[in-house]
Amino acid sequence: MEQNETLPTAIQSAIDGRLGMFEDRLARLFYKLAVEMDMGMSAILDCIQIDADYLRKLRSDSVKNVKATNGLLTFEQKAREQLDDGAGDDQWQD
């Protein structure tokens, strides 16, 4: 019998099938998440006016925060950060 360093075809086919199902499920979930995010952002933007410079700064800060936490930033951490910085509710009372 010849030595084969790769997986047998049947096992490789089964793994590929499972990975394909997993990929399809993730794609559906990401699509649903994107729709929900779009709805939320649209609702918020319908209510407030945001300046383009503010959005650029917000994106820059968000990228920095995600990189610093390796994507493990939570809503609670952001809320504590806002309170510690003293920004709190004063930021919205212009």
Protein backbone atom coordinates (compact mmCIF):
# COMPACT_ATOMS: atom_id res chain seq x y z
CA MET A 1 0.00 0.00 0.00
CA GLU A 2 1.36 3.34 -1.01
CA GLN A 3 1.94 5.99 1.71
CA ASN A 4 -0.20 9.08 1.26
CA GLU A 5 0.56 12.14 3.38
CA THR A 6 -2.75 13.82 2.60
CA LEU A 7 -6.14 12.89 3.92
CA PRO A 8 -8.09 10.18 2.13
CA THR A 9 -10.51 11.58 -0.44
CA ALA A 10 -13.64 10.61 1.51
CA ILE A 11 -12.47 12.37 4.66
CA GLN A 12 -11.33 15.44 2.72
CA SER A 13 -14.70 15.55 0.93
CA ALA A 14 -16.59 15.33 4.26
CA ILE A 15 -14.48 18.11 5.78
CA ASP A 16 -14.97 20.30 2.71
CA GLY A 17 -18.74 19.72 2.89
CA ARG A 18 -18.91 20.70 6.57
CA LEU A 19 -16.75 23.76 5.99
CA GLY A 20 -18.97 24.76 3.08
CA MET A 21 -22.07 24.52 5.30
CA PHE A 22 -20.31 26.55 8.00
CA GLU A 23 -19.31 29.19 5.44
CA ASP A 24 -22.89 29.45 4.14
CA ARG A 25 -24.25 29.84 7.67
CA LEU A 26 -21.75 32.56 8.52
CA ALA A 27 -22.52 34.37 5.27
CA ARG A 28 -26.27 34.37 6.10
CA LEU A 29 -25.60 35.60 9.65
CA PHE A 30 -23.27 38.37 8.47
CA TYR A 31 -25.85 39.45 5.90
CA LYS A 32 -28.56 39.65 8.57
CA LEU A 33 -26.20 41.56 10.86
CA ALA A 34 -25.36 44.02 8.08
CA VAL A 35 -29.08 44.61 7.43
CA GLU A 36 -29.72 45.27 11.14
CA MET A 37 -26.73 47.63 11.36
CA ASP A 38 -27.90 49.52 8.28
CA MET A 39 -31.37 49.91 9.79
CA GLY A 40 -29.94 51.16 13.09
CA MET A 41 -27.56 53.62 11.45
CA SER A 42 -30.30 54.90 9.15
CA ALA A 43 -32.67 55.44 12.09
CA ILE A 44 -30.01 57.33 14.06
CA LEU A 45 -28.96 59.47 11.10
CA ASP A 46 -32.61 60.35 10.40
CA CYS A 47 -32.74 61.87 13.90
CA ILE A 48 -29.42 63.74 14.10
CA GLN A 49 -27.06 65.71 11.89
CA ILE A 50 -23.42 64.59 11.99
CA ASP A 51 -20.55 66.55 10.56
CA ALA A 52 -18.14 64.75 8.17
CA ASP A 53 -15.08 65.76 10.23
CA TYR A 54 -16.65 64.23 13.34
CA LEU A 55 -17.25 60.97 11.44
CA ARG A 56 -13.62 60.84 10.26
CA LYS A 57 -12.38 61.35 13.83
CA LEU A 58 -14.85 58.78 15.15
CA ARG A 59 -13.68 56.20 12.58
CA SER A 60 -10.04 56.89 13.38
CA ASP A 61 -10.68 56.50 17.12
CA SER A 62 -12.69 53.31 16.54
CA VAL A 63 -9.94 51.72 14.44
CA LYS A 64 -7.41 52.61 17.15
CA ASN A 65 -9.63 51.12 19.89
CA VAL A 66 -10.28 47.89 18.00
CA LYS A 67 -6.58 47.44 17.25
CA ALA A 68 -5.64 48.14 20.88
CA THR A 69 -8.13 45.55 22.20
CA ASN A 70 -7.67 43.06 19.35
CA GLY A 71 -11.39 43.37 18.60
CA LEU A 72 -12.48 42.43 22.12
CA LEU A 73 -13.91 45.83 23.03
CA THR A 74 -17.29 45.68 24.78
CA PHE A 75 -20.10 48.18 25.13
CA GLU A 76 -19.52 48.28 28.89
CA GLN A 77 -15.83 49.14 28.40
CA LYS A 78 -16.76 52.03 26.10
CA ALA A 79 -19.35 53.30 28.60
CA ARG A 80 -16.77 53.24 31.42
CA GLU A 81 -14.25 55.01 29.17
CA GLN A 82 -16.79 57.74 28.38
CA LEU A 83 -17.53 58.25 32.09
CA ASP A 84 -13.82 58.27 33.02
CA ASP A 85 -13.06 60.86 30.33
CA GLY A 86 -15.79 63.10 31.68
CA ALA A 87 -17.47 63.26 28.29
CA GLY A 88 -20.63 61.59 29.54
CA ASP A 89 -23.88 63.38 28.67
CA ASP A 90 -22.23 66.81 28.27
CA GLN A 91 -21.08 65.84 24.77
CA TRP A 92 -24.68 65.77 23.51
CA GLN A 93 -25.85 69.01 25.17
CA ASP A 94 -24.25 71.46 22.72
